[in-house]
C-alpha atoms as a PDB file:
ATOM      1  CA  MET A   1       0.000   0.000   0.000  1.00  0.00           C
ATOM      2  CA  SER A   2       1.340   3.418  -0.930  1.00  0.00           C
ATOM      3  CA  ASP A   3       1.840   6.291   1.496  1.00  0.00           C
ATOM      4  CA  VAL A   4      -1.047   8.134  -0.185  1.00  0.00           C
ATOM      5  CA  GLN A   5      -3.396   5.170   0.197  1.00  0.00           C
ATOM      6  CA  SER A   6      -2.385   4.786   3.834  1.00  0.00           C
ATOM      7  CA  PHE A   7      -2.898   8.505   4.487  1.00  0.00           C
ATOM      8  CA  VAL A   8      -6.338   8.663   2.849  1.00  0.00           C
ATOM      9  CA  ASP A   9      -7.542   5.365   4.333  1.00  0.00           C
ATOM     10  CA  GLU A  10      -6.348   6.373   7.805  1.00  0.00           C
ATOM     11  CA  LYS A  11      -8.239   9.689   7.669  1.00  0.00           C
ATOM     12  CA  ILE A  12     -11.404   8.013   6.386  1.00  0.00           C
ATOM     13  CA  GLY A  13     -11.130   5.238   8.964  1.00  0.00           C
ATOM     14  CA  THR A  14     -10.384   7.299  12.071  1.00  0.00           C
ATOM     15  CA  HIS A  15     -12.853  10.176  11.648  1.00  0.00           C
ATOM     16  CA  LYS A  16     -16.640   9.932  11.368  1.00  0.00           C
ATOM     17  CA  VAL A  17     -16.435  12.643   8.687  1.00  0.00           C
ATOM     18  CA  ALA A  18     -13.436  13.122   6.393  1.00  0.00           C
ATOM     19  CA  VAL A  19     -13.355  15.634   3.551  1.00  0.00           C
ATOM     20  CA  PHE A  20     -10.692  16.094   0.885  1.00  0.00           C
ATOM     21  CA  SER A  21     -10.957  19.585  -0.565  1.00  0.00           C
ATOM     22  CA  LYS A  22      -9.273  22.512  -2.293  1.00  0.00           C
ATOM     23  CA  SER A  23      -9.511  26.006  -0.826  1.00  0.00           C
ATOM     24  CA  TYR A  24     -10.461  27.697  -4.104  1.00  0.00           C
ATOM     25  CA  CYS A  25     -13.179  25.219  -5.123  1.00  0.00           C
ATOM     26  CA  PRO A  26     -16.764  26.594  -5.005  1.00  0.00           C
ATOM     27  CA  PHE A  27     -18.234  23.101  -4.567  1.00  0.00           C
ATOM     28  CA  CYS A  28     -15.919  22.593  -1.590  1.00  0.00           C
ATOM     29  CA  HIS A  29     -17.205  25.844  -0.102  1.00  0.00           C
ATOM     30  CA  LYS A  30     -20.787  24.514  -0.396  1.00  0.00           C
ATOM     31  CA  ALA A  31     -19.886  21.276   1.365  1.00  0.00           C
ATOM     32  CA  LYS A  32     -17.952  23.123   4.054  1.00  0.00           C
ATOM     33  CA  ALA A  33     -20.823  25.526   4.744  1.00  0.00           C
ATOM     34  CA  ALA A  34     -23.238  22.616   5.107  1.00  0.00           C
ATOM     35  CA  LEU A  35     -20.965  20.568   7.363  1.00  0.00           C
ATOM     36  CA  GLU A  36     -19.814  23.487   9.509  1.00  0.00           C
ATOM     37  CA  SER A  37     -23.425  24.162  10.492  1.00  0.00           C
ATOM     38  CA  PHE A  38     -23.237  21.085  12.771  1.00  0.00           C
ATOM     39  CA  LYS A  39     -21.478  20.602  16.110  1.00  0.00           C
ATOM     40  CA  PHE A  40     -19.222  17.575  15.812  1.00  0.00           C
ATOM     41  CA  LYS A  41     -17.816  15.462  18.593  1.00  0.00           C
ATOM     42  CA  PRO A  42     -14.106  16.176  19.161  1.00  0.00           C
ATOM     43  CA  ASN A  43     -11.827  14.660  16.500  1.00  0.00           C
ATOM     44  CA  GLU A  44     -14.730  13.338  14.432  1.00  0.00           C
ATOM     45  CA  PHE A  45     -14.538  15.954  11.659  1.00  0.00           C
ATOM     46  CA  PHE A  46     -11.429  16.001   9.448  1.00  0.00           C
ATOM     47  CA  TRP A  47     -11.052  18.534   6.621  1.00  0.00           C
ATOM     48  CA  ILE A  48      -7.955  18.889   4.476  1.00  0.00           C
ATOM     49  CA  GLU A  49      -7.123  21.267   1.650  1.00  0.00           C
ATOM     50  CA  ILE A  50      -4.950  19.123  -0.603  1.00  0.00           C
ATOM     51  CA  GLU A  51      -3.803  21.628  -3.243  1.00  0.00           C
ATOM     52  CA  ASP A  52      -0.565  22.547  -1.482  1.00  0.00           C
ATOM     53  CA  ARG A  53       0.497  18.968  -0.809  1.00  0.00           C
ATOM     54  CA  LYS A  54       3.200  17.538  -3.062  1.00  0.00           C
ATOM     55  CA  ASP A  55       1.093  14.381  -3.365  1.00  0.00           C
ATOM     56  CA  CYS A  56      -2.102  16.227  -4.367  1.00  0.00           C
ATOM     57  CA  GLN A  57      -2.359  14.504  -7.748  1.00  0.00           C
ATOM     58  CA  GLU A  58      -1.739  11.088  -6.197  1.00  0.00           C
ATOM     59  CA  ILE A  59      -4.433  11.740  -3.589  1.00  0.00           C
ATOM     60  CA  GLN A  60      -6.880  12.642  -6.341  1.00  0.00           C
ATOM     61  CA  ASP A  61      -5.888   9.548  -8.319  1.00  0.00           C
ATOM     62  CA  TYR A  62      -6.586   7.388  -5.268  1.00  0.00           C
ATOM     63  CA  LEU A  63      -9.904   9.168  -4.660  1.00  0.00           C
ATOM     64  CA  LEU A  64     -10.799   8.303  -8.265  1.00  0.00           C
ATOM     65  CA  LYS A  65     -10.035   4.661  -7.556  1.00  0.00           C
ATOM     66  CA  ILE A  66     -12.222   4.514  -4.452  1.00  0.00           C
ATOM     67  CA  THR A  67     -15.067   6.897  -5.424  1.00  0.00           C
ATOM     68  CA  GLY A  68     -15.206   6.909  -9.211  1.00  0.00           C
ATOM     69  CA  GLU A  69     -14.212  10.590  -9.455  1.00  0.00           C
ATOM     70  CA  ARG A  70     -11.078  12.571  -8.738  1.00  0.00           C
ATOM     71  CA  THR A  71     -12.844  15.898  -8.285  1.00  0.00           C
ATOM     72  CA  VAL A  72     -13.153  17.582  -4.902  1.00  0.00           C
ATOM     73  CA  PRO A  73     -14.689  17.705  -2.469  1.00  0.00           C
ATOM     74  CA  ARG A  74     -14.859  14.025  -1.637  1.00  0.00           C
ATOM     75  CA  VAL A  75     -16.936  13.638   1.522  1.00  0.00           C
ATOM     76  CA  PHE A  76     -16.776  10.430   3.550  1.00  0.00           C
ATOM     77  CA  ILE A  77     -19.130   9.672   6.430  1.00  0.00           C
ATOM     78  CA  ASN A  78     -18.625   6.694   8.725  1.00  0.00           C
ATOM     79  CA  GLY A  79     -15.986   5.232   6.420  1.00  0.00           C
ATOM     80  CA  ARG A  80     -18.119   5.383   3.285  1.00  0.00           C
ATOM     81  CA  PHE A  81     -18.127   7.774   0.375  1.00  0.00           C
ATOM     82  CA  PHE A  82     -21.070  10.170   0.795  1.00  0.00           C
ATOM     83  CA  GLY A  83     -20.688  12.469  -2.207  1.00  0.00           C
ATOM     84  CA  GLY A  84     -19.289  15.702  -3.508  1.00  0.00           C
ATOM     85  CA  GLY A  85     -20.296  19.290  -2.882  1.00  0.00           C
ATOM     86  CA  THR A  86     -23.600  19.153  -4.745  1.00  0.00           C
ATOM     87  CA  GLU A  87     -24.747  15.980  -2.971  1.00  0.00           C
ATOM     88  CA  THR A  88     -23.647  17.259   0.431  1.00  0.00           C
ATOM     89  CA  GLU A  89     -25.437  20.576  -0.015  1.00  0.00           C
ATOM     90  CA  ALA A  90     -28.617  18.853  -1.264  1.00  0.00           C
ATOM     91  CA  ALA A  91     -28.554  16.442   1.686  1.00  0.00           C
ATOM     92  CA  TYR A  92     -28.154  19.388   4.055  1.00  0.00           C
ATOM     93  CA  LEU A  93     -31.113  21.183   2.508  1.00  0.00           C
ATOM     94  CA  ASP A  94     -33.428  18.146   2.633  1.00  0.00           C
ATOM     95  CA  GLY A  95     -32.378  17.158   6.168  1.00  0.00           C
ATOM     96  CA  SER A  96     -30.827  13.827   5.247  1.00  0.00           C
ATOM     97  CA  LEU A  97     -27.275  15.001   6.001  1.00  0.00           C
ATOM     98  CA  GLU A  98     -28.157  15.622   9.641  1.00  0.00           C
ATOM     99  CA  LYS A  99     -29.822  12.197   9.875  1.00  0.00           C
ATOM    100  CA  THR A 100     -26.742  10.552   8.359  1.00  0.00           C
ATOM    101  CA  LEU A 101     -24.406  12.362  10.761  1.00  0.00           C
ATOM    102  CA  ILE A 102     -26.563  11.411  13.760  1.00  0.00           C
ATOM    103  CA  ALA A 103     -26.664   7.770  12.638  1.00  0.00           C
ATOM    104  CA  ALA A 104     -22.868   7.834  12.268  1.00  0.00           C
ATOM    105  CA  GLY A 105     -22.482   9.113  15.827  1.00  0.00           C
ATOM    106  CA  ALA A 106     -20.573  12.168  14.619  1.00  0.00           C
ATOM    107  CA  LEU A 107     -22.566  14.907  16.336  1.00  0.00           C
ATOM    108  CA  GLU A 108     -22.591  16.133  19.918  1.00  0.00           C
END
């Protein structure tokens, strides 16, 4: 297993919510706004801006392998791929994001 795979898998596996993002991405901003409206338990919400990492392209390649897309954001909840920015925002608006986060045990 590569260092990138280990890094991504570890973040997905040790946090109830893990998001791989880029700071300039408007879809990432939508996902962040939706997720930041909730109060998470300590250490259950992990957000990383990957654009300044030297392994950014490799991270996106691995995200493609495990989610079917290499675009960001890639939102994982309870170890499973949840969606991108559009899906996360839509789930927030219809209330299903909160239900998913409660079921995952991520919220205080």
